[in-house]
Amino acid sequence: MAKPYRIISFSSDRFDQWRISESGGCISFKGSTPVFEFKTKGQYEKYLKLNDRRGLQQ
C-alpha cells in the first residue's frame, strides 16, 4: 500500500466532507480515529481550492 501524500484531521462539517469527496480524497482511520487522506498532491490542492466555495454550497 502506497504512503498517502497528506493526512489531515477529520471534520464532521458537511461542507468539508463534500470537499473531500469532490477532491478524490477519502475518509480513513488512523487507529480508531477518522482522518481525511489524500493520495496525491493534486487531490489535496483541489480540496483546498474548493474552500473558495464555502457559503455558496449549503
N, C-alpha and C. Protein backbone atom coordinates (compact mmCIF):
# COMPACT_ATOMS: atom_id res chain seq x y z
N MET A 1 0.84 -1.17 0.00
CA MET A 1 0.00 0.00 0.00
C MET A 1 0.89 1.24 0.00
N ALA A 2 0.64 2.16 -0.92
CA ALA A 2 1.43 3.38 -1.04
C ALA A 2 1.15 4.34 0.12
N LYS A 3 2.17 5.04 0.52
CA LYS A 3 2.03 6.02 1.58
C LYS A 3 1.22 7.21 1.06
N PRO A 4 0.24 7.70 1.84
CA PRO A 4 -0.56 8.84 1.37
C PRO A 4 0.28 10.11 1.27
N TYR A 5 -0.13 11.01 0.38
CA TYR A 5 0.56 12.29 0.23
C TYR A 5 0.37 13.13 1.50
N ARG A 6 -0.88 13.19 2.00
CA ARG A 6 -1.17 14.03 3.16
C ARG A 6 -2.33 13.44 3.93
N ILE A 7 -2.26 13.54 5.25
CA ILE A 7 -3.35 13.15 6.15
C ILE A 7 -3.64 14.37 7.02
N ILE A 8 -4.93 14.75 7.08
CA ILE A 8 -5.33 15.88 7.92
C ILE A 8 -6.45 15.44 8.86
N SER A 9 -6.73 16.25 9.84
CA SER A 9 -7.77 15.94 10.82
C SER A 9 -9.14 15.80 10.16
N PHE A 10 -9.91 14.87 10.65
CA PHE A 10 -11.28 14.66 10.20
C PHE A 10 -12.14 15.85 10.61
N SER A 11 -13.09 16.20 9.78
CA SER A 11 -14.07 17.23 10.10
C SER A 11 -15.47 16.66 9.89
N SER A 12 -16.34 16.88 10.86
CA SER A 12 -17.72 16.41 10.72
C SER A 12 -18.59 17.43 9.97
N ASP A 13 -18.01 18.55 9.57
CA ASP A 13 -18.73 19.57 8.82
C ASP A 13 -19.13 19.02 7.44
N ARG A 14 -20.39 19.20 7.07
CA ARG A 14 -20.89 18.67 5.79
C ARG A 14 -20.12 19.23 4.59
N PHE A 15 -19.78 20.51 4.65
CA PHE A 15 -19.06 21.13 3.54
C PHE A 15 -17.68 20.49 3.38
N ASP A 16 -16.98 20.27 4.49
CA ASP A 16 -15.66 19.64 4.42
C ASP A 16 -15.76 18.21 3.89
N GLN A 17 -16.81 17.50 4.25
CA GLN A 17 -16.99 16.15 3.74
C GLN A 17 -17.34 16.17 2.25
N TRP A 18 -18.06 17.18 1.81
CA TRP A 18 -18.32 17.34 0.38
C TRP A 18 -17.01 17.60 -0.36
N ARG A 19 -16.15 18.47 0.23
CA ARG A 19 -14.87 18.79 -0.41
C ARG A 19 -13.98 17.56 -0.54
N ILE A 20 -13.94 16.73 0.50
CA ILE A 20 -13.08 15.53 0.44
C ILE A 20 -13.58 14.60 -0.67
N SER A 21 -14.89 14.50 -0.81
CA SER A 21 -15.48 13.66 -1.85
C SER A 21 -15.17 14.22 -3.24
N GLU A 22 -15.36 15.51 -3.43
CA GLU A 22 -15.12 16.15 -4.73
C GLU A 22 -13.65 16.13 -5.14
N SER A 23 -12.77 16.17 -4.17
CA SER A 23 -11.34 16.23 -4.48
C SER A 23 -10.74 14.87 -4.80
N GLY A 24 -11.46 13.82 -4.47
CA GLY A 24 -10.94 12.47 -4.71
C GLY A 24 -10.24 11.88 -3.50
N GLY A 25 -10.18 12.65 -2.42
CA GLY A 25 -9.62 12.12 -1.18
C GLY A 25 -10.59 11.15 -0.53
N CYS A 26 -10.24 10.66 0.64
CA CYS A 26 -11.14 9.72 1.31
C CYS A 26 -11.05 9.88 2.82
N ILE A 27 -12.02 9.33 3.48
CA ILE A 27 -12.01 9.26 4.93
C ILE A 27 -11.47 7.89 5.30
N SER A 28 -10.44 7.87 6.11
CA SER A 28 -9.87 6.60 6.54
C SER A 28 -9.64 6.67 8.06
N PHE A 29 -9.05 5.66 8.60
CA PHE A 29 -8.83 5.61 10.04
C PHE A 29 -7.36 5.46 10.37
N LYS A 30 -6.91 6.23 11.32
CA LYS A 30 -5.57 6.10 11.86
C LYS A 30 -5.79 5.58 13.27
N GLY A 31 -5.61 4.27 13.43
CA GLY A 31 -6.04 3.63 14.68
C GLY A 31 -7.55 3.62 14.69
N SER A 32 -8.15 4.22 15.70
CA SER A 32 -9.61 4.30 15.76
C SER A 32 -10.11 5.71 15.47
N THR A 33 -9.22 6.60 15.03
CA THR A 33 -9.57 7.99 14.77
C THR A 33 -9.76 8.22 13.28
N PRO A 34 -10.91 8.78 12.87
CA PRO A 34 -11.11 9.07 11.45
C PRO A 34 -10.24 10.26 11.03
N VAL A 35 -9.73 10.22 9.79
CA VAL A 35 -8.92 11.28 9.21
C VAL A 35 -9.30 11.46 7.74
N PHE A 36 -8.94 12.60 7.19
CA PHE A 36 -9.06 12.83 5.75
C PHE A 36 -7.70 12.47 5.15
N GLU A 37 -7.72 11.66 4.09
CA GLU A 37 -6.49 11.18 3.47
C GLU A 37 -6.47 11.53 1.99
N PHE A 38 -5.32 12.01 1.52
CA PHE A 38 -5.14 12.37 0.12
C PHE A 38 -3.99 11.54 -0.43
N LYS A 39 -4.21 10.87 -1.54
CA LYS A 39 -3.17 10.04 -2.13
C LYS A 39 -2.21 10.85 -2.99
N THR A 40 -2.67 12.01 -3.51
CA THR A 40 -1.83 12.83 -4.38
C THR A 40 -1.86 14.29 -3.96
N LYS A 41 -0.86 15.03 -4.41
CA LYS A 41 -0.80 16.47 -4.17
C LYS A 41 -1.99 17.16 -4.85
N GLY A 42 -2.36 16.68 -6.04
CA GLY A 42 -3.48 17.26 -6.77
C GLY A 42 -4.79 17.17 -5.99
N GLN A 43 -5.03 16.04 -5.35
CA GLN A 43 -6.25 15.88 -4.55
C GLN A 43 -6.26 16.89 -3.41
N TYR A 44 -5.13 17.02 -2.73
CA TYR A 44 -5.05 17.94 -1.60
C TYR A 44 -5.24 19.39 -2.06
N GLU A 45 -4.61 19.76 -3.16
CA GLU A 45 -4.74 21.13 -3.67
C GLU A 45 -6.17 21.43 -4.10
N LYS A 46 -6.85 20.44 -4.70
CA LYS A 46 -8.24 20.64 -5.08
C LYS A 46 -9.12 20.82 -3.84
N TYR A 47 -8.85 20.04 -2.80
CA TYR A 47 -9.58 20.17 -1.53
C TYR A 47 -9.44 21.60 -1.00
N LEU A 48 -8.24 22.13 -1.00
CA LEU A 48 -8.01 23.49 -0.51
C LEU A 48 -8.71 24.52 -1.40
N LYS A 49 -8.65 24.34 -2.71
CA LYS A 49 -9.26 25.28 -3.64
C LYS A 49 -10.77 25.32 -3.50
N LEU A 50 -11.37 24.18 -3.21
CA LEU A 50 -12.83 24.12 -3.06
C LEU A 50 -13.32 24.93 -1.86
N ASN A 51 -12.44 25.29 -0.96
CA ASN A 51 -12.84 26.10 0.18
C ASN A 51 -13.35 27.47 -0.26
N ASP A 52 -12.95 27.90 -1.48
CA ASP A 52 -13.43 29.17 -2.03
C ASP A 52 -14.96 29.16 -2.18
N ARG A 53 -15.54 27.99 -2.25
CA ARG A 53 -16.99 27.86 -2.45
C ARG A 53 -17.77 27.77 -1.15
N ARG A 54 -17.07 27.87 -0.01
CA ARG A 54 -17.74 27.82 1.29
C ARG A 54 -18.79 28.92 1.36
N GLY A 55 -19.96 28.59 1.84
CA GLY A 55 -21.05 29.57 1.91
C GLY A 55 -21.93 29.55 0.67
N LEU A 56 -21.42 29.10 -0.44
CA LEU A 56 -22.22 29.02 -1.67
C LEU A 56 -22.88 27.66 -1.82
N GLN A 57 -22.31 26.65 -1.18
CA GLN A 57 -22.73 25.27 -1.37
C GLN A 57 -23.89 24.86 -0.48
N GLN A 58 -24.03 25.46 0.68
CA GLN A 58 -25.02 24.99 1.64
C GLN A 58 -26.31 25.65 1.42
